[in-house]
Protein backbone atom coordinates (compact mmCIF):
# COMPACT_ATOMS: atom_id res chain seq x y z
CA MET A 1 133.14 46.50 12.68
CA LYS A 2 132.02 49.78 13.48
CA LYS A 3 133.17 49.13 17.02
CA LEU A 4 136.62 48.49 16.03
CA SER A 5 136.70 51.63 13.83
CA LEU A 6 135.18 53.54 16.72
CA ILE A 7 137.97 52.24 19.21
CA ILE A 8 140.50 52.67 17.12
CA LEU A 9 139.67 56.35 16.36
CA MET A 10 139.28 57.05 20.33
CA SER A 11 143.21 55.62 20.17
CA LEU A 12 144.50 57.56 17.82
CA LEU A 13 142.51 60.99 19.08
CA VAL A 14 144.13 60.08 22.32
CA ILE A 15 147.90 59.65 21.03
CA SER A 16 147.21 63.06 19.15
CA LEU A 17 146.08 64.67 22.55
CA TYR A 18 149.05 63.27 24.42
CA SER A 19 151.58 64.90 21.29
CA PHE A 20 150.40 68.36 22.45
CA VAL A 21 149.41 67.81 26.38
CA GLY A 22 153.12 66.40 26.95
CA SER A 23 154.44 70.29 25.98
CA ALA A 24 152.27 71.39 29.51
CA GLU A 25 154.69 73.73 31.37
CA LYS A 26 154.34 76.10 34.30
CA GLY A 27 154.57 79.70 32.54
CA LYS A 28 153.10 78.72 29.03
CA LEU A 29 150.09 78.71 27.99
CA THR A 30 148.80 76.43 24.91
CA MET A 31 145.95 77.00 22.55
CA LEU A 32 144.40 75.11 19.83
CA LEU A 33 142.28 77.04 16.86
CA SER A 34 140.01 76.86 13.67
CA ARG A 35 142.12 76.63 10.64
CA GLY A 36 140.67 79.29 9.02
CA GLY A 37 140.14 82.97 9.05
CA SER A 38 139.19 83.07 12.73
CA GLY A 39 141.99 81.61 13.62
CA GLU A 40 144.64 83.76 11.51
CA THR A 41 143.18 86.32 13.25
CA LEU A 42 143.18 85.43 17.04
CA ALA A 43 146.40 83.98 16.76
CA GLN A 44 147.70 87.58 15.90
CA SER A 45 146.64 88.54 19.08
CA ALA A 46 148.48 85.38 21.37
CA GLU A 47 151.45 86.78 19.21
CA LYS A 48 151.48 90.07 20.56
CA PHE A 49 150.30 89.46 24.02
CA THR A 50 153.66 87.21 23.80
CA GLU A 51 155.58 90.03 22.61
CA GLU A 52 154.67 92.89 25.31
CA THR A 53 154.66 90.46 28.31
CA GLY A 54 156.74 87.71 27.47
CA ILE A 55 154.33 84.98 28.30
CA GLU A 56 154.82 82.62 25.70
CA ILE A 57 151.66 81.29 24.02
CA GLU A 58 151.83 77.96 21.91
CA VAL A 59 148.97 77.81 19.17
CA LEU A 60 147.90 74.69 17.38
CA PHE A 61 145.83 74.78 14.02
CA PHE A 62 143.13 71.93 13.58
CA PRO A 63 140.10 71.73 11.29
CA MET A 64 136.60 72.72 13.29
CA ASP A 65 135.28 69.36 13.96
CA GLU A 66 138.54 68.13 14.70
CA LEU A 67 139.56 71.21 17.04
CA PHE A 68 136.33 71.00 19.01
CA THR A 69 136.75 66.58 19.17
CA LYS A 70 140.48 67.18 20.49
CA GLU A 71 139.44 69.99 23.10
CA ALA A 72 136.68 67.83 24.57
CA LEU A 73 138.47 64.79 24.95
CA ALA A 74 141.40 66.64 26.47
CA LEU A 75 139.13 68.17 28.91
CA SER A 76 136.94 64.70 29.91
CA GLN A 77 140.02 63.20 30.86
CA GLY A 78 141.06 65.80 32.88
CA MET A 79 143.99 67.18 30.82
CA PRO A 80 145.88 70.49 32.19
CA THR A 81 145.99 71.48 28.35
CA PRO A 82 145.08 73.43 26.45
CA ASP A 83 145.09 75.92 29.05
CA ILE A 84 142.98 78.45 26.84
CA ILE A 85 140.04 76.81 25.36
CA SER A 86 138.58 78.77 21.99
CA VAL A 87 134.59 77.84 21.34
CA ASN A 88 131.83 78.53 19.62
CA GLU A 89 127.69 78.76 20.31
CA THR A 90 127.88 74.74 19.13
CA ALA A 91 131.04 73.52 21.22
CA PHE A 92 130.20 75.61 24.49
CA VAL A 93 127.38 73.13 25.97
CA LYS A 94 129.51 70.44 25.83
CA MET A 95 132.38 71.70 27.79
CA LEU A 96 130.53 73.94 29.71
CA ASN A 97 131.63 71.86 33.15
CA TYR A 98 135.18 71.89 32.52
CA LEU A 99 135.44 75.50 32.09
CA GLU A 100 136.79 77.70 35.17
CA PRO A 101 134.64 80.30 35.81
CA LEU A 102 135.98 83.58 35.51
CA LYS A 103 136.43 86.26 37.86
CA LEU A 104 135.16 89.50 36.13
CA ASP A 105 134.47 92.88 37.78
CA LYS A 106 131.76 94.71 36.71
CA GLU A 107 133.45 97.28 34.82
CA LYS A 108 135.13 94.19 32.65
CA ILE A 109 131.64 92.87 32.33
CA ASN A 110 130.02 96.18 31.18
CA SER A 111 132.63 96.98 28.39
CA PHE A 112 131.28 94.24 26.14
CA MET A 113 128.31 94.80 23.85
CA PRO A 114 125.74 93.03 26.23
CA VAL A 115 123.97 90.29 23.89
CA MET A 116 127.70 89.31 23.25
CA ILE A 117 129.32 88.54 26.91
CA GLU A 118 125.38 86.53 27.81
CA SER A 119 126.49 84.28 24.48
CA PHE A 120 128.17 81.94 26.70
CA ARG A 121 126.51 82.30 30.16
CA TRP A 122 124.58 79.54 31.49
CA PRO A 123 121.85 79.09 32.60
CA ARG A 124 121.30 82.04 30.45
CA GLY A 125 121.09 85.63 32.50
CA GLU A 126 122.07 84.22 35.97
CA GLY A 127 125.18 81.43 35.86
CA PRO A 128 128.67 82.18 36.30
CA TYR A 129 130.55 83.70 33.15
CA ARG A 130 132.91 80.56 31.29
CA ILE A 131 133.79 82.38 28.26
CA VAL A 132 134.68 85.91 27.45
CA PRO A 133 133.71 86.56 23.41
CA VAL A 134 136.54 87.45 21.71
CA ARG A 135 135.42 87.74 17.58
CA MET A 136 131.61 87.74 17.47
CA GLY A 137 128.80 89.59 14.84
CA GLY A 138 125.54 89.35 14.00
CA ASP A 139 123.40 88.94 10.82
CA VAL A 140 122.32 92.40 9.67
CA ILE A 141 120.20 93.58 6.68
CA MET A 142 122.79 94.77 3.69
CA TYR A 143 122.01 96.62 0.58
CA ARG A 144 123.08 98.48 -2.71
CA GLN A 145 122.11 101.69 -2.23
CA ASP A 146 122.56 103.01 -5.50
CA VAL A 147 119.77 100.38 -6.71
CA PHE A 148 117.68 101.75 -4.28
CA GLU A 149 118.25 105.07 -5.16
CA GLU A 150 117.71 104.21 -8.68
CA GLU A 151 114.52 102.24 -7.93
CA GLY A 152 112.93 105.05 -6.14
CA ILE A 153 113.21 102.69 -2.78
CA ASP A 154 113.27 104.30 0.75
CA PRO A 155 115.35 101.96 3.22
CA ALA A 156 112.81 103.08 6.02
CA SER A 157 110.28 101.58 4.31
CA ILE A 158 111.50 97.63 5.06
CA LYS A 159 109.72 97.55 8.40
CA THR A 160 108.22 93.96 7.94
CA TRP A 161 109.52 90.29 6.44
CA GLU A 162 106.55 91.23 3.51
CA ASP A 163 108.43 94.43 2.87
CA PHE A 164 111.22 92.74 2.44
CA LEU A 165 109.76 90.52 0.31
CA SER A 166 108.11 92.46 -1.80
CA ILE A 167 111.04 94.95 -2.43
CA ALA A 168 112.95 91.72 -3.43
CA LYS A 169 111.08 90.80 -5.75
CA LYS A 170 111.08 94.25 -7.33
CA LEU A 171 114.49 94.19 -7.92
CA THR A 172 114.58 90.92 -9.18
CA LYS A 173 115.57 91.46 -13.40
CA PRO A 174 117.04 88.15 -14.19
CA THR A 175 117.05 89.39 -17.86
CA GLU A 176 119.36 91.79 -16.50
CA ARG A 177 121.27 89.26 -14.48
CA GLN A 178 120.11 91.12 -11.14
CA TRP A 179 118.40 89.37 -8.03
CA GLY A 180 116.62 90.92 -5.11
CA TYR A 181 117.90 88.43 -2.62
CA VAL A 182 121.07 85.92 -1.73
CA GLN A 183 121.72 83.86 1.40
CA ALA A 184 124.11 81.34 2.18
CA PHE A 185 122.03 77.47 2.36
CA SER A 186 124.69 75.12 2.25
CA PRO A 187 125.50 73.17 4.46
CA HIS A 188 121.70 73.19 6.66
CA ALA A 189 123.21 74.58 9.30
CA TYR A 190 123.66 78.28 7.86
CA LEU A 191 119.75 77.55 6.14
CA VAL A 192 118.75 77.40 9.51
CA THR A 193 120.44 80.00 10.96
CA GLN A 194 118.45 82.55 8.54
CA TRP A 195 115.09 80.75 8.95
CA ILE A 196 115.70 81.37 12.79
CA ASN A 197 116.12 85.11 11.97
CA ILE A 198 113.21 85.39 10.22
CA VAL A 199 110.82 83.04 12.51
CA ARG A 200 111.88 85.07 15.72
CA SER A 201 111.05 88.21 14.42
CA TYR A 202 108.01 86.57 14.01
CA GLY A 203 107.81 86.39 18.26
CA VAL A 204 108.45 82.38 17.23
CA ASP A 205 110.53 80.82 19.62
CA LEU A 206 112.18 77.36 18.44
CA PHE A 207 112.10 75.28 21.69
CA ASN A 208 110.85 75.54 24.95
CA SER A 209 112.54 76.98 27.77
CA ASP A 210 114.34 74.23 28.80
CA ILE A 211 114.69 72.73 25.14
CA THR A 212 113.26 69.47 26.03
CA LYS A 213 110.31 70.35 22.88
CA ALA A 214 109.95 72.21 20.04
CA GLU A 215 107.85 75.18 19.71
CA PHE A 216 108.42 76.54 16.33
CA ASN A 217 105.29 74.61 14.12
CA THR A 218 103.22 77.05 14.60
CA GLU A 219 100.77 79.69 12.66
CA ASN A 220 103.27 82.35 12.76
CA GLY A 221 106.59 79.63 12.52
CA VAL A 222 104.67 78.60 8.89
CA ARG A 223 103.66 82.27 7.93
CA ALA A 224 107.64 83.09 8.27
CA THR A 225 108.96 80.03 6.72
CA LYS A 226 106.62 80.96 3.91
CA VAL A 227 108.44 84.21 3.26
CA LEU A 228 111.82 82.55 2.84
CA VAL A 229 110.51 80.01 0.83
CA GLU A 230 109.52 82.85 -1.49
CA LEU A 231 112.33 84.78 -1.19
CA VAL A 232 113.94 81.60 -2.71
CA ASN A 233 111.98 80.48 -5.37
CA GLU A 234 110.72 84.15 -6.56
CA ALA A 235 114.08 86.61 -5.67
CA SER A 236 117.18 84.50 -5.89
CA PRO A 237 119.58 83.55 -8.51
CA PRO A 238 119.55 79.92 -9.91
CA GLY A 239 121.11 76.93 -8.33
CA VAL A 240 120.84 79.47 -4.64
CA LEU A 241 120.17 76.70 -2.46
CA ASN A 242 124.04 75.52 -3.06
CA TYR A 243 125.37 78.26 -2.23
CA ASP A 244 128.16 78.67 1.03
CA TYR A 245 129.14 82.09 2.44
CA GLY A 246 132.10 82.27 -0.54
CA ASN A 247 129.06 82.41 -2.96
CA GLN A 248 127.00 85.07 -1.06
CA ILE A 249 129.66 87.23 -0.85
CA GLU A 250 130.44 87.13 -4.37
CA ALA A 251 126.79 87.27 -5.68
CA MET A 252 127.08 91.23 -3.29
CA GLN A 253 130.48 91.97 -4.64
CA THR A 254 130.15 91.25 -8.08
CA GLY A 255 126.43 93.61 -7.97
CA MET A 256 124.46 90.19 -9.03
CA VAL A 257 122.24 90.52 -5.52
CA VAL A 258 121.13 93.65 -4.06
CA LEU A 259 119.66 92.35 -0.72
CA SER A 260 121.25 89.84 1.92
CA MET A 261 121.21 89.49 5.52
CA VAL A 262 125.18 89.37 6.54
CA TRP A 263 127.20 88.75 9.14
CA THR A 264 128.79 91.84 10.47
CA PRO A 265 132.37 90.56 10.04
CA ARG A 266 131.83 89.88 6.25
CA PHE A 267 130.94 93.75 5.45
CA LEU A 268 134.43 94.76 4.67
CA SER A 269 134.56 91.74 2.07
CA ILE A 270 131.71 92.74 0.89
CA ASN A 271 132.45 96.51 0.45
CA SER A 272 135.84 95.83 -0.95
CA PRO A 273 137.87 98.65 -2.76
CA ASP A 274 138.29 95.55 -5.03
CA PHE A 275 135.21 95.39 -6.58
CA PRO A 276 133.06 97.92 -8.16
CA HIS A 277 130.26 98.80 -5.92
CA HIS A 278 132.81 99.71 -2.93
CA GLY A 279 131.24 102.09 -1.08
CA GLU A 280 127.59 101.62 -2.23
CA PHE A 281 126.70 99.09 0.80
CA LYS A 282 124.75 99.86 3.51
CA VAL A 283 123.23 98.23 6.56
CA LEU A 284 119.66 98.59 7.95
CA PRO A 285 120.12 100.08 11.40
CA HIS A 286 116.87 97.53 12.47
CA PHE A 287 115.59 93.97 11.43
CA PRO A 288 112.49 93.76 9.98
CA ILE A 289 109.71 92.51 12.00
CA GLY A 290 107.44 89.82 10.95
CA LYS A 291 104.08 91.98 9.84
CA GLY A 292 100.97 90.80 12.82
CA SER A 293 103.82 90.37 15.59
CA THR A 294 104.34 92.34 18.72
CA GLY A 295 107.43 94.59 18.75
CA GLU A 296 108.82 97.25 17.20
CA GLU A 297 111.58 95.37 15.09
CA GLY A 298 112.93 92.01 14.53
CA THR A 299 115.30 90.26 16.09
CA SER A 300 118.24 88.83 14.47
CA MET A 301 120.86 86.44 16.24
CA VAL A 302 124.62 87.31 17.66
CA TYR A 303 127.67 84.25 17.27
CA GLY A 304 130.62 83.97 16.65
CA TRP A 305 133.82 82.80 18.94
CA GLY A 306 134.88 83.44 22.65
CA PHE A 307 137.97 82.12 25.16
CA GLY A 308 138.05 80.49 28.15
CA ILE A 309 139.93 78.34 30.88
CA ASN A 310 140.59 75.06 31.44
CA LYS A 311 139.88 74.58 34.74
CA ASN A 312 142.60 71.96 35.20
CA SER A 313 145.12 74.13 33.81
CA GLU A 314 148.23 75.08 35.86
CA ASN A 315 148.36 78.79 34.31
CA LYS A 316 145.13 79.95 35.11
CA ASP A 317 146.26 83.29 36.15
CA LEU A 318 148.34 83.82 33.14
CA ALA A 319 145.14 82.60 31.10
CA LEU A 320 142.79 85.23 32.44
CA LYS A 321 145.92 87.92 31.95
CA TYR A 322 145.39 87.09 27.91
CA LEU A 323 141.65 86.91 28.46
CA ASN A 324 141.51 90.25 29.57
CA PHE A 325 144.20 91.26 26.90
CA VAL A 326 142.59 89.81 23.84
CA THR A 327 139.02 91.66 25.21
CA SER A 328 140.59 95.10 25.56
CA LYS A 329 139.25 98.12 24.04
CA GLU A 330 143.21 98.22 22.75
CA GLU A 331 143.52 94.88 21.28
CA GLN A 332 139.96 94.75 19.87
CA LEU A 333 140.24 97.78 18.07
CA ARG A 334 143.93 96.49 16.89
CA LEU A 335 142.40 93.54 15.82
CA ALA A 336 139.62 94.87 13.91
CA THR A 337 141.36 97.69 12.09
CA GLU A 338 144.08 95.58 11.13
CA PHE A 339 142.35 91.94 10.97
CA ALA A 340 139.11 92.47 10.02
CA ASN A 341 138.12 90.99 13.65
CA SER A 342 134.82 91.60 14.72
CA PRO A 343 134.60 93.69 18.00
CA THR A 344 133.05 92.31 21.31
CA VAL A 345 133.30 95.75 23.28
CA SER A 346 131.33 98.42 22.38
CA ASP A 347 133.69 101.40 22.41
CA VAL A 348 135.01 100.05 19.52
CA TYR A 349 131.69 100.46 17.50
CA LYS A 350 132.25 104.56 18.40
CA ASN A 351 136.44 104.58 17.62
CA PRO A 352 137.23 107.07 14.81
CA VAL A 353 139.71 104.89 13.89
CA TYR A 354 137.41 102.25 13.32
CA LEU A 355 134.62 103.70 11.58
CA SER A 356 136.82 105.12 8.69
CA SER A 357 137.06 101.66 7.95
CA ILE A 358 133.85 100.26 8.73
CA PRO A 359 131.31 103.34 8.18
CA GLU A 360 128.37 101.32 9.11
CA ALA A 361 129.46 100.69 12.26
CA PRO A 362 126.85 103.01 13.92
CA GLN A 363 123.99 101.14 12.12
CA MET A 364 125.47 97.67 12.87
CA GLU A 365 125.62 98.25 16.54
CA LYS A 366 122.17 99.68 16.55
CA ALA A 367 120.72 96.29 14.52
CA LEU A 368 122.91 94.52 16.95
CA GLY A 369 121.24 96.28 20.05
CA ASN A 370 118.15 94.34 19.19
CA ALA A 371 119.37 90.92 18.69
CA GLU A 372 119.37 87.63 20.62
CA ASN A 373 121.37 84.90 21.33
CA TYR A 374 121.79 81.80 19.60
CA PRO A 375 118.92 80.13 20.92
CA LEU A 376 120.53 75.95 21.22
CA LEU A 377 122.48 74.63 23.37
CA HIS A 378 122.13 71.27 23.34
CA GLU A 379 124.29 68.42 23.24
CA LYS A 380 122.58 67.07 19.84
CA ASP A 381 122.27 70.49 17.96
CA ALA A 382 124.22 69.33 15.36
CA GLU A 383 121.26 66.99 14.08
CA ILE A 384 118.80 69.18 15.10
CA LEU A 385 119.88 71.87 13.18
CA ASP A 386 120.27 68.82 10.27
CA ALA A 387 117.00 67.79 10.95
CA ILE A 388 115.14 71.07 10.11
CA GLY A 389 117.19 71.65 7.48
CA LEU A 390 116.42 68.90 5.68
CA GLU A 391 112.81 69.72 5.87
CA LEU A 392 113.15 73.48 5.15
CA GLN A 393 115.08 72.58 1.99
CA LYS A 394 112.50 70.11 0.81
CA ALA A 395 109.83 73.30 1.26
CA MET A 396 112.34 75.51 -1.03
CA LEU A 397 112.36 72.71 -3.62
CA LYS A 398 108.15 72.21 -3.39
CA GLU A 399 108.62 68.79 -2.33
CA LYS A 400 106.43 69.54 0.59
CA THR A 401 104.00 72.22 1.70
CA VAL A 402 105.75 74.55 4.43
CA GLU A 403 103.17 72.96 6.53
CA GLU A 404 103.59 69.80 6.28
CA ALA A 405 107.71 70.16 6.00
CA LEU A 406 107.34 71.87 9.43
CA ALA A 407 105.37 69.02 11.20
CA SER A 408 107.94 66.77 9.83
CA ALA A 409 110.88 68.85 11.63
CA GLU A 410 109.02 69.55 14.78
CA ILE A 411 108.47 65.46 15.04
CA ARG A 412 111.73 64.79 14.13
CA VAL A 413 113.75 67.14 16.34
CA ASN A 414 111.09 66.05 19.29
CA GLU A 415 112.61 62.46 18.72
CA ILE A 416 116.11 63.56 18.62
CA ILE A 417 115.53 65.32 22.03
CA ALA A 418 113.97 62.50 23.59
CA GLU A 419 116.83 60.14 22.93
């Protein structure tokens, strides 16, 4: 029965593929985007490109999982559409071999935030560029300046995650409906993202260099995980493990929580003039480091969206023209200021127009200057993230000790990689 269901599903996907492949046309571009804020923002750029060049781009919207399934199936079948491929880090590795190596000159490459342009290069640091970043951000520490001033807390005093934990606990006053820390922990991938930011700041690598073995179950890995577990249990609002990004944003907007790790594109939503604490939110210019680890600053993670070109497209030159357009300084600035896009071009972070709407942009740029790429490029990344997240949640619920949870996660991750 399961086999029959799979056959039916694949047949339906192929049929739906041909519904848009049939529109393949010389001189016309086709692109699939995710349904939601990211896709709607990037669609604005496709519309602007058509206005300025006369080159039509047909944009089709799908839920994220369906989007990646359709793209991967079309590419693996050798179909010429979609011409432009939209991916995030989790989809990149599945489509890597079907993407056209991009012809980018040195000036173009150097225009991007370095960590962003390197996100979609494989092998890292040496392979060809197959994707240009179009909407990317990184996690930064966001805090309420007014609360810090009232409590006599100097933001510069947050040097380690232990400092962060101590301050978050100090700011937690349940009788006043105030908590020190909030995060998005549901689904598991969100939880693991925050955990990665902390363990990396303790000098912990999640995997060996070729991602064939887990390496996070170390003394520092345990120490870092205990900080996160304590943040959840002693400085976070009740039910935080069920929070998604919307809950995280609302908790900050309403003043219920003082500190959070926030993906930079969400700054505008939190610092909205529609809420009472507008203008009071600030960003630390550095990420905390793990106590006892080497280095001067901790390491956050950069992630987001990029565009590539289908290697079987009949419109590769036009597709490259669009990629150059959407990643130009002018268009990245327009998308950032008019549609709250998170820019990938360095010059935007210094532009006065952008600074007028995002005054914390210089702090963000400094913090992201020490950020690293998404650490997991593996075809089974969803399974790996879920396995780690499940064990971390058990530690947070005190169903297991941190040591037990990481040991179980290590065993399961190594099994998934070996399968």
